[in-house]
Amino acid sequence: MKKTLILVIITVFFSNTIDASDNFLNKTFPTIQGVSLANNEVTFPDDIRGRVAVLSIAFKQRAQLCINTWADELLPKYGIDKTVQYYEVPMLGAQWTMARNWIDGGMQNGVPKPLHDFTVTYYGPLKQYYKSLEIDSKKDCYIYVLNQDGIIKGRFDGFSTPEKISELFTLIDSLNE
């Protein structure tokens, strides 16, 4: 009897864990309003509808190295704003709002000028995004692929690998058909 009960508990736990993961897929990307390093207001997903989009999201500055491993492969293949709309979205908590000009100014110096229109900083509450986007680690980067309607079709996290890049490119190409 005890073994059966333990087996039922383990089965329920793992089935709930499996069902809980990837709940963001096939849902509209949550609204994020920010300002680009070129000083343009951008609202995701509204301002990117009509084309496939890749959003690289990070919650910590050190995740930029992670984003670069994806961008270094993605941008040469698809361009910044050609076949795919590509954006980097640093997500900073509301406590950083007062330092926005200083932080964004530092980013402008570090980000190549052609990416200024496509680097959009968000300053505000983060908990809702941790939940809706199923953010496991604030130290990682997260790559979201959206279809033309702003629906999340894929997510990749952590540093890129040749296998992950291949999967990303296959997904993007299938959405562009």
N, C-alpha and C. Protein backbone atom coordinates (compact mmCIF):
# COMPACT_ATOMS: atom_id res chain seq x y z
N MET A 1 0.82 -1.20 0.00
CA MET A 1 0.00 0.00 0.00
C MET A 1 0.87 1.27 0.00
N LYS A 2 1.91 1.28 0.85
CA LYS A 2 2.80 2.44 0.91
C LYS A 2 3.50 2.66 -0.42
N LYS A 3 3.96 1.59 -1.04
CA LYS A 3 4.64 1.70 -2.33
C LYS A 3 3.71 2.26 -3.39
N THR A 4 2.46 1.86 -3.39
CA THR A 4 1.49 2.36 -4.36
C THR A 4 1.25 3.85 -4.15
N LEU A 5 1.11 4.26 -2.90
CA LEU A 5 0.89 5.67 -2.58
C LEU A 5 2.09 6.51 -3.01
N ILE A 6 3.27 6.03 -2.73
CA ILE A 6 4.50 6.75 -3.13
C ILE A 6 4.57 6.84 -4.65
N LEU A 7 4.24 5.76 -5.33
CA LEU A 7 4.27 5.76 -6.79
C LEU A 7 3.26 6.76 -7.36
N VAL A 8 2.08 6.83 -6.77
CA VAL A 8 1.06 7.78 -7.21
C VAL A 8 1.55 9.21 -6.99
N ILE A 9 2.13 9.49 -5.84
CA ILE A 9 2.63 10.84 -5.54
C ILE A 9 3.73 11.22 -6.52
N ILE A 10 4.66 10.32 -6.78
CA ILE A 10 5.74 10.60 -7.72
C ILE A 10 5.19 10.84 -9.12
N THR A 11 4.23 10.02 -9.54
CA THR A 11 3.63 10.18 -10.87
C THR A 11 2.92 11.52 -10.99
N VAL A 12 2.14 11.89 -9.97
CA VAL A 12 1.43 13.17 -10.00
C VAL A 12 2.42 14.33 -10.01
N PHE A 13 3.47 14.25 -9.19
CA PHE A 13 4.47 15.32 -9.14
C PHE A 13 5.12 15.53 -10.51
N PHE A 14 5.60 14.44 -11.12
CA PHE A 14 6.29 14.57 -12.39
C PHE A 14 5.35 14.94 -13.52
N SER A 15 4.11 14.48 -13.48
CA SER A 15 3.19 14.86 -14.55
C SER A 15 2.83 16.33 -14.43
N ASN A 16 2.72 16.85 -13.20
CA ASN A 16 2.47 18.28 -13.02
C ASN A 16 3.67 19.09 -13.44
N THR A 17 4.88 18.59 -13.18
CA THR A 17 6.09 19.29 -13.59
C THR A 17 6.17 19.36 -15.11
N ILE A 18 5.88 18.25 -15.74
CA ILE A 18 5.93 18.22 -17.21
C ILE A 18 4.87 19.13 -17.79
N ASP A 19 3.64 19.07 -17.25
CA ASP A 19 2.56 19.91 -17.76
C ASP A 19 2.84 21.39 -17.53
N ALA A 20 3.54 21.71 -16.44
CA ALA A 20 3.79 23.12 -16.10
C ALA A 20 4.84 23.75 -17.00
N SER A 21 5.74 22.96 -17.58
CA SER A 21 6.79 23.55 -18.39
C SER A 21 6.27 23.94 -19.75
N ASP A 22 6.87 24.96 -20.31
CA ASP A 22 6.52 25.45 -21.64
C ASP A 22 5.08 25.95 -21.75
N ASN A 23 4.49 26.40 -20.64
CA ASN A 23 3.13 26.94 -20.68
C ASN A 23 3.05 28.23 -21.49
N PHE A 24 4.17 28.86 -21.77
CA PHE A 24 4.21 30.11 -22.51
C PHE A 24 4.09 29.87 -24.02
N LEU A 25 4.38 28.64 -24.47
CA LEU A 25 4.34 28.35 -25.91
C LEU A 25 2.93 28.51 -26.46
N ASN A 26 2.85 29.03 -27.67
CA ASN A 26 1.60 29.25 -28.38
C ASN A 26 0.68 30.25 -27.69
N LYS A 27 1.28 31.12 -26.88
CA LYS A 27 0.55 32.22 -26.26
C LYS A 27 1.16 33.53 -26.74
N THR A 28 0.37 34.58 -26.68
CA THR A 28 0.87 35.89 -27.06
C THR A 28 1.97 36.31 -26.09
N PHE A 29 3.06 36.83 -26.65
CA PHE A 29 4.16 37.33 -25.82
C PHE A 29 3.61 38.43 -24.92
N PRO A 30 4.00 38.44 -23.63
CA PRO A 30 3.47 39.48 -22.73
C PRO A 30 3.94 40.87 -23.13
N THR A 31 3.11 41.84 -22.87
CA THR A 31 3.43 43.22 -23.22
C THR A 31 4.62 43.72 -22.41
N ILE A 32 5.61 44.23 -23.12
CA ILE A 32 6.77 44.88 -22.51
C ILE A 32 6.92 46.23 -23.21
N GLN A 33 6.93 47.29 -22.44
CA GLN A 33 7.15 48.63 -22.99
C GLN A 33 8.52 49.12 -22.55
N GLY A 34 9.29 49.58 -23.52
CA GLY A 34 10.62 50.06 -23.21
C GLY A 34 11.04 51.15 -24.18
N VAL A 35 12.27 51.59 -24.02
CA VAL A 35 12.82 52.63 -24.89
C VAL A 35 14.13 52.09 -25.46
N SER A 36 14.28 52.24 -26.78
CA SER A 36 15.50 51.76 -27.43
C SER A 36 16.66 52.69 -27.11
N LEU A 37 17.86 52.20 -27.35
CA LEU A 37 19.04 53.04 -27.15
C LEU A 37 19.06 54.20 -28.14
N ALA A 38 18.26 54.13 -29.20
CA ALA A 38 18.11 55.24 -30.14
C ALA A 38 16.99 56.18 -29.69
N ASN A 39 16.45 55.93 -28.47
CA ASN A 39 15.43 56.76 -27.84
C ASN A 39 14.05 56.65 -28.50
N ASN A 40 13.71 55.48 -29.02
CA ASN A 40 12.39 55.23 -29.58
C ASN A 40 11.60 54.35 -28.62
N GLU A 41 10.33 54.72 -28.38
CA GLU A 41 9.48 53.88 -27.54
C GLU A 41 9.08 52.65 -28.34
N VAL A 42 9.16 51.50 -27.69
CA VAL A 42 8.82 50.23 -28.34
C VAL A 42 7.92 49.43 -27.39
N THR A 43 6.87 48.84 -27.95
CA THR A 43 5.99 47.97 -27.19
C THR A 43 5.97 46.60 -27.86
N PHE A 44 6.39 45.60 -27.09
CA PHE A 44 6.34 44.23 -27.58
C PHE A 44 5.04 43.61 -27.09
N PRO A 45 4.35 42.82 -27.85
CA PRO A 45 4.66 42.39 -29.21
C PRO A 45 4.06 43.29 -30.28
N ASP A 46 3.31 44.33 -29.89
CA ASP A 46 2.57 45.15 -30.87
C ASP A 46 3.45 45.70 -31.99
N ASP A 47 4.61 46.24 -31.64
CA ASP A 47 5.45 46.91 -32.63
C ASP A 47 6.25 45.96 -33.51
N ILE A 48 6.13 44.66 -33.27
CA ILE A 48 6.88 43.71 -34.10
C ILE A 48 5.95 42.76 -34.86
N ARG A 49 4.67 43.01 -34.82
CA ARG A 49 3.73 42.14 -35.55
C ARG A 49 3.95 42.28 -37.05
N GLY A 50 3.69 41.20 -37.74
CA GLY A 50 3.80 41.21 -39.19
C GLY A 50 5.04 40.51 -39.71
N ARG A 51 6.01 40.27 -38.82
CA ARG A 51 7.22 39.54 -39.21
C ARG A 51 7.65 38.64 -38.08
N VAL A 52 8.40 37.62 -38.42
CA VAL A 52 8.98 36.76 -37.40
C VAL A 52 9.96 37.60 -36.57
N ALA A 53 9.93 37.39 -35.26
CA ALA A 53 10.81 38.17 -34.39
C ALA A 53 11.56 37.24 -33.44
N VAL A 54 12.77 37.65 -33.11
CA VAL A 54 13.58 36.96 -32.10
C VAL A 54 13.91 38.01 -31.04
N LEU A 55 13.50 37.71 -29.80
CA LEU A 55 13.77 38.61 -28.69
C LEU A 55 14.75 37.93 -27.74
N SER A 56 15.88 38.58 -27.52
CA SER A 56 16.89 38.09 -26.58
C SER A 56 16.70 38.86 -25.29
N ILE A 57 16.33 38.14 -24.24
CA ILE A 57 15.99 38.79 -22.98
C ILE A 57 17.00 38.38 -21.91
N ALA A 58 17.42 39.38 -21.12
CA ALA A 58 18.36 39.12 -20.03
C ALA A 58 17.97 39.97 -18.83
N PHE A 59 18.23 39.43 -17.65
CA PHE A 59 17.92 40.12 -16.40
C PHE A 59 19.17 40.57 -15.66
N LYS A 60 20.31 40.12 -16.10
CA LYS A 60 21.60 40.49 -15.49
C LYS A 60 22.57 40.89 -16.59
N GLN A 61 23.44 41.85 -16.32
CA GLN A 61 24.39 42.34 -17.32
C GLN A 61 25.30 41.22 -17.81
N ARG A 62 25.69 40.33 -16.93
CA ARG A 62 26.60 39.26 -17.32
C ARG A 62 25.98 38.29 -18.33
N ALA A 63 24.66 38.33 -18.49
CA ALA A 63 24.00 37.47 -19.47
C ALA A 63 24.26 37.96 -20.90
N GLN A 64 24.86 39.14 -21.05
CA GLN A 64 25.17 39.65 -22.39
C GLN A 64 26.12 38.70 -23.13
N LEU A 65 27.05 38.10 -22.43
CA LEU A 65 27.94 37.13 -23.06
C LEU A 65 27.15 35.97 -23.65
N CYS A 66 26.13 35.56 -22.94
CA CYS A 66 25.24 34.49 -23.40
C CYS A 66 24.49 34.94 -24.66
N ILE A 67 23.94 36.14 -24.62
CA ILE A 67 23.21 36.69 -25.78
C ILE A 67 24.12 36.76 -26.99
N ASN A 68 25.35 37.18 -26.77
CA ASN A 68 26.29 37.31 -27.89
C ASN A 68 26.51 36.00 -28.63
N THR A 69 26.48 34.87 -27.90
CA THR A 69 26.69 33.59 -28.58
C THR A 69 25.56 33.28 -29.55
N TRP A 70 24.37 33.80 -29.27
CA TRP A 70 23.23 33.63 -30.18
C TRP A 70 23.29 34.66 -31.31
N ALA A 71 23.51 35.92 -30.93
CA ALA A 71 23.52 37.01 -31.92
C ALA A 71 24.63 36.83 -32.94
N ASP A 72 25.78 36.33 -32.52
CA ASP A 72 26.91 36.13 -33.44
C ASP A 72 26.59 35.14 -34.54
N GLU A 73 25.65 34.25 -34.32
CA GLU A 73 25.22 33.29 -35.34
C GLU A 73 23.99 33.80 -36.10
N LEU A 74 23.07 34.39 -35.36
CA LEU A 74 21.79 34.81 -35.92
C LEU A 74 21.91 36.01 -36.87
N LEU A 75 22.62 37.03 -36.44
CA LEU A 75 22.67 38.27 -37.22
C LEU A 75 23.34 38.12 -38.58
N PRO A 76 24.44 37.38 -38.70
CA PRO A 76 25.01 37.21 -40.04
C PRO A 76 24.07 36.47 -41.01
N LYS A 77 23.26 35.58 -40.48
CA LYS A 77 22.35 34.80 -41.34
C LYS A 77 21.10 35.59 -41.72
N TYR A 78 20.50 36.29 -40.76
CA TYR A 78 19.20 36.93 -40.99
C TYR A 78 19.25 38.46 -41.02
N GLY A 79 20.33 39.06 -40.58
CA GLY A 79 20.39 40.52 -40.53
C GLY A 79 19.72 41.06 -39.28
N ILE A 80 19.87 42.34 -39.06
CA ILE A 80 19.28 42.96 -37.87
C ILE A 80 17.78 43.16 -38.06
N ASP A 81 17.39 43.67 -39.19
CA ASP A 81 15.98 44.00 -39.43
C ASP A 81 15.60 43.64 -40.86
N LYS A 82 16.03 42.49 -41.30
CA LYS A 82 15.75 42.09 -42.68
C LYS A 82 14.76 40.93 -42.68
N THR A 83 15.25 39.71 -42.70
CA THR A 83 14.39 38.53 -42.73
C THR A 83 13.65 38.36 -41.40
N VAL A 84 14.32 38.71 -40.32
CA VAL A 84 13.79 38.53 -38.97
C VAL A 84 13.98 39.83 -38.21
N GLN A 85 13.01 40.17 -37.38
CA GLN A 85 13.18 41.31 -36.49
C GLN A 85 13.90 40.80 -35.25
N TYR A 86 15.07 41.36 -34.97
CA TYR A 86 15.86 40.93 -33.82
C TYR A 86 15.95 42.06 -32.82
N TYR A 87 15.67 41.75 -31.56
CA TYR A 87 15.79 42.73 -30.49
C TYR A 87 16.48 42.12 -29.29
N GLU A 88 17.30 42.93 -28.63
CA GLU A 88 17.84 42.57 -27.33
C GLU A 88 17.08 43.40 -26.31
N VAL A 89 16.61 42.74 -25.25
CA VAL A 89 15.78 43.42 -24.26
C VAL A 89 16.35 43.21 -22.86
N PRO A 90 17.20 44.13 -22.41
CA PRO A 90 17.65 44.07 -21.02
C PRO A 90 16.48 44.43 -20.10
N MET A 91 16.19 43.56 -19.13
CA MET A 91 15.08 43.75 -18.21
C MET A 91 15.66 44.16 -16.86
N LEU A 92 15.41 45.40 -16.47
CA LEU A 92 15.94 45.92 -15.21
C LEU A 92 14.78 46.23 -14.28
N GLY A 93 14.97 45.96 -13.02
CA GLY A 93 13.94 46.22 -12.02
C GLY A 93 13.66 47.71 -11.88
N ALA A 94 12.51 48.01 -11.31
CA ALA A 94 12.08 49.40 -11.13
C ALA A 94 13.06 50.21 -10.30
N GLN A 95 13.82 49.55 -9.43
CA GLN A 95 14.77 50.27 -8.58
C GLN A 95 15.87 50.96 -9.39
N TRP A 96 16.03 50.58 -10.64
CA TRP A 96 17.07 51.17 -11.50
C TRP A 96 16.55 52.35 -12.34
N THR A 97 15.28 52.68 -12.24
CA THR A 97 14.69 53.74 -13.06
C THR A 97 15.42 55.07 -12.91
N MET A 98 15.80 55.42 -11.69
CA MET A 98 16.47 56.71 -11.47
C MET A 98 17.84 56.76 -12.16
N ALA A 99 18.45 55.62 -12.38
CA ALA A 99 19.77 55.56 -13.02
C ALA A 99 19.67 55.25 -14.52
N ARG A 100 18.46 55.32 -15.06
CA ARG A 100 18.21 54.95 -16.46
C ARG A 100 19.16 55.65 -17.44
N ASN A 101 19.29 56.96 -17.34
CA ASN A 101 20.13 57.70 -18.30
C ASN A 101 21.58 57.23 -18.22
N TRP A 102 22.06 57.01 -17.01
CA TRP A 102 23.44 56.56 -16.81
C TRP A 102 23.62 55.15 -17.37
N ILE A 103 22.68 54.24 -17.06
CA ILE A 103 22.77 52.85 -17.53
C ILE A 103 22.65 52.78 -19.05
N ASP A 104 21.63 53.44 -19.59
CA ASP A 104 21.45 53.42 -21.06
C ASP A 104 22.62 54.09 -21.77
N GLY A 105 23.16 55.15 -21.17
CA GLY A 105 24.34 55.80 -21.76
C GLY A 105 25.52 54.84 -21.83
N GLY A 106 25.71 54.08 -20.78
CA GLY A 106 26.78 53.07 -20.77
C GLY A 106 26.54 52.02 -21.83
N MET A 107 25.28 51.61 -21.99
CA MET A 107 24.96 50.62 -23.03
C MET A 107 25.20 51.19 -24.42
N GLN A 108 24.85 52.46 -24.62
CA GLN A 108 25.08 53.07 -25.94
C GLN A 108 26.55 53.03 -26.32
N ASN A 109 27.41 53.18 -25.32
CA ASN A 109 28.85 53.12 -25.60
C ASN A 109 29.33 51.71 -25.90
N GLY A 110 28.66 50.70 -25.33
CA GLY A 110 29.09 49.33 -25.49
C GLY A 110 28.42 48.56 -26.61
N VAL A 111 27.23 49.02 -27.02
CA VAL A 111 26.46 48.33 -28.07
C VAL A 111 26.77 48.97 -29.40
N PRO A 112 27.06 48.18 -30.43
CA PRO A 112 27.32 48.76 -31.76
C PRO A 112 26.14 49.63 -32.22
N LYS A 113 26.45 50.77 -32.81
CA LYS A 113 25.42 51.74 -33.22
C LYS A 113 24.29 51.11 -34.05
N PRO A 114 24.57 50.19 -34.99
CA PRO A 114 23.46 49.61 -35.76
C PRO A 114 22.44 48.86 -34.90
N LEU A 115 22.82 48.49 -33.68
CA LEU A 115 21.89 47.77 -32.80
C LEU A 115 21.13 48.69 -31.84
N HIS A 116 21.39 50.00 -31.88
CA HIS A 116 20.73 50.90 -30.94
C HIS A 116 19.21 50.90 -31.11
N ASP A 117 18.70 50.83 -32.34
CA ASP A 117 17.25 50.77 -32.55
C ASP A 117 16.67 49.45 -32.05
N PHE A 118 17.51 48.44 -31.92
CA PHE A 118 17.05 47.08 -31.63
C PHE A 118 17.48 46.59 -30.25
N THR A 119 17.94 47.52 -29.40
CA THR A 119 18.22 47.23 -28.01
C THR A 119 17.26 48.09 -27.20
N VAL A 120 16.31 47.43 -26.55
CA VAL A 120 15.22 48.11 -25.86
C VAL A 120 15.28 47.77 -24.38
N THR A 121 15.51 48.78 -23.55
CA THR A 121 15.59 48.53 -22.12
C THR A 121 14.21 48.69 -21.48
N TYR A 122 13.95 47.80 -20.54
CA TYR A 122 12.72 47.84 -19.75
C TYR A 122 13.12 48.08 -18.31
N TYR A 123 12.44 49.04 -17.67
CA TYR A 123 12.63 49.33 -16.26
C TYR A 123 11.28 49.22 -15.59
N GLY A 124 11.13 48.29 -14.69
CA GLY A 124 9.85 48.13 -14.01
C GLY A 124 9.76 46.82 -13.27
N PRO A 125 8.56 46.49 -12.82
CA PRO A 125 8.35 45.23 -12.09
C PRO A 125 8.72 44.03 -12.96
N LEU A 126 9.36 43.05 -12.35
CA LEU A 126 9.85 41.89 -13.11
C LEU A 126 9.09 40.59 -12.79
N LYS A 127 8.49 40.49 -11.62
CA LYS A 127 7.88 39.23 -11.19
C LYS A 127 6.89 38.67 -12.21
N GLN A 128 6.08 39.53 -12.80
CA GLN A 128 5.09 39.05 -13.77
C GLN A 128 5.77 38.39 -14.97
N TYR A 129 6.94 38.88 -15.35
CA TYR A 129 7.66 38.30 -16.49
C TYR A 129 8.35 36.99 -16.10
N TYR A 130 8.86 36.92 -14.87
CA TYR A 130 9.44 35.65 -14.42
C TYR A 130 8.39 34.55 -14.53
N LYS A 131 7.17 34.89 -14.14
CA LYS A 131 6.10 33.89 -14.13
C LYS A 131 5.60 33.59 -15.55
N SER A 132 5.22 34.61 -16.29
CA SER A 132 4.60 34.38 -17.61
C SER A 132 5.57 33.80 -18.63
N LEU A 133 6.85 34.10 -18.50
CA LEU A 133 7.86 33.59 -19.44
C LEU A 133 8.63 32.40 -18.87
N GLU A 134 8.22 31.95 -17.67
CA GLU A 134 8.83 30.81 -17.00
C GLU A 134 10.36 30.94 -16.92
N ILE A 135 10.79 32.05 -16.33
CA ILE A 135 12.21 32.32 -16.16
C ILE A 135 12.72 31.50 -14.97
N ASP A 136 13.66 30.61 -15.25
CA ASP A 136 14.21 29.74 -14.22
C ASP A 136 15.40 30.38 -13.50
N SER A 137 16.25 31.02 -14.28
CA SER A 137 17.46 31.61 -13.72
C SER A 137 17.65 33.01 -14.27
N LYS A 138 17.79 33.96 -13.39
CA LYS A 138 18.00 35.34 -13.82
C LYS A 138 19.39 35.55 -14.39
N LYS A 139 20.26 34.55 -14.23
CA LYS A 139 21.62 34.66 -14.74
C LYS A 139 21.73 34.28 -16.21
N ASP A 140 20.74 33.55 -16.74
CA ASP A 140 20.77 33.11 -18.13
C ASP A 140 20.18 34.15 -19.07
N CYS A 141 20.39 33.93 -20.34
CA CYS A 141 19.67 34.69 -21.35
C CYS A 141 18.57 33.79 -21.90
N TYR A 142 17.53 34.41 -22.42
CA TYR A 142 16.39 33.68 -22.97
C TYR A 142 16.10 34.23 -24.36
N ILE A 143 15.99 33.33 -25.31
CA ILE A 143 15.75 33.68 -26.70
C ILE A 143 14.34 33.23 -27.05
N TYR A 144 13.44 34.17 -27.33
CA TYR A 144 12.05 33.85 -27.69
C TYR A 144 11.87 34.09 -29.17
N VAL A 145 11.23 33.12 -29.83
CA VAL A 145 10.91 33.24 -31.25
C VAL A 145 9.41 33.44 -31.35
N LEU A 146 9.01 34.55 -31.98
CA LEU A 146 7.60 34.88 -32.14
C LEU A 146 7.21 34.81 -33.60
N ASN A 147 6.00 34.34 -33.86
CA ASN A 147 5.52 34.35 -35.24
C ASN A 147 5.02 35.75 -35.59
N GLN A 148 4.45 35.89 -36.76
CA GLN A 148 4.03 37.20 -37.27
C GLN A 148 2.91 37.83 -36.42
N ASP A 149 2.24 37.03 -35.61
CA ASP A 149 1.15 37.52 -34.78
C ASP A 149 1.58 37.76 -33.33
N GLY A 150 2.88 37.64 -33.04
CA GLY A 150 3.36 37.87 -31.69
C GLY A 150 3.16 36.68 -30.76
N ILE A 151 2.92 35.51 -31.34
CA ILE A 151 2.73 34.28 -30.56
C ILE A 151 4.08 33.60 -30.37
N ILE A 152 4.37 33.17 -29.14
CA ILE A 152 5.64 32.51 -28.84
C ILE A 152 5.63 31.11 -29.44
N LYS A 153 6.59 30.87 -30.31
CA LYS A 153 6.69 29.57 -30.98
C LYS A 153 7.89 28.76 -30.50
N GLY A 154 8.81 29.39 -29.80
CA GLY A 154 9.97 28.67 -29.29
C GLY A 154 10.73 29.50 -28.29
N ARG A 155 11.48 28.79 -27.44
CA ARG A 155 12.34 29.48 -26.49
C ARG A 155 13.62 28.65 -26.33
N PHE A 156 14.72 29.37 -26.26
CA PHE A 156 16.02 28.77 -26.02
C PHE A 156 16.64 29.54 -24.87
N ASP A 157 17.45 28.85 -24.07
CA ASP A 157 18.09 29.57 -22.98
C ASP A 157 19.52 29.07 -22.80
N GLY A 158 20.27 29.87 -22.08
CA GLY A 158 21.66 29.54 -21.86
C GLY A 158 22.50 29.85 -23.09
N PHE A 159 23.75 29.47 -23.04
CA PHE A 159 24.66 29.71 -24.15
C PHE A 159 24.25 28.85 -25.34
N SER A 160 24.48 29.38 -26.53
CA SER A 160 24.14 28.62 -27.74
C SER A 160 25.09 27.44 -27.91
N THR A 161 24.60 26.46 -28.62
CA THR A 161 25.41 25.31 -29.04
C THR A 161 25.09 25.11 -30.52
N PRO A 162 25.90 24.40 -31.25
CA PRO A 162 25.56 24.14 -32.66
C PRO A 162 24.18 23.49 -32.82
N GLU A 163 23.81 22.61 -31.90
CA GLU A 163 22.50 21.95 -31.98
C GLU A 163 21.37 22.94 -31.74
N LYS A 164 21.53 23.80 -30.74
CA LYS A 164 20.49 24.80 -30.45
C LYS A 164 20.37 25.80 -31.60
N ILE A 165 21.49 26.22 -32.17
CA ILE A 165 21.47 27.16 -33.29
C ILE A 165 20.75 26.53 -34.48
N SER A 166 21.04 25.28 -34.76
CA SER A 166 20.38 24.57 -35.85
C SER A 166 18.87 24.51 -35.62
N GLU A 167 18.47 24.21 -34.40
CA GLU A 167 17.05 24.16 -34.06
C GLU A 167 16.40 25.54 -34.20
N LEU A 168 17.11 26.58 -33.75
CA LEU A 168 16.61 27.96 -33.88
C LEU A 168 16.40 28.32 -35.34
N PHE A 169 17.40 28.05 -36.18
CA PHE A 169 17.31 28.39 -37.59
C PHE A 169 16.18 27.61 -38.27
N THR A 170 16.01 26.35 -37.92
CA THR A 170 14.93 25.54 -38.50
C THR A 170 13.57 26.13 -38.12
N LEU A 171 13.42 26.54 -36.87
CA LEU A 171 12.17 27.15 -36.43
C LEU A 171 11.91 28.46 -37.16
N ILE A 172 12.90 29.32 -37.22
CA ILE A 172 12.73 30.61 -37.92
C ILE A 172 12.36 30.38 -39.38
N ASP A 173 13.07 29.50 -40.05
CA ASP A 173 12.79 29.24 -41.47
C ASP A 173 11.39 28.69 -41.66
N SER A 174 10.92 27.84 -40.75
CA SER A 174 9.57 27.28 -40.89
C SER A 174 8.51 28.37 -40.70
N LEU A 175 8.79 29.36 -39.86
CA LEU A 175 7.83 30.44 -39.64
C LEU A 175 7.85 31.45 -40.78
N ASN A 176 8.95 31.52 -41.52
CA ASN A 176 9.08 32.47 -42.63
C ASN A 176 8.54 31.91 -43.95
N GLU A 177 8.10 30.66 -43.95
CA GLU A 177 7.63 30.06 -45.21
C GLU A 177 6.30 30.63 -45.62
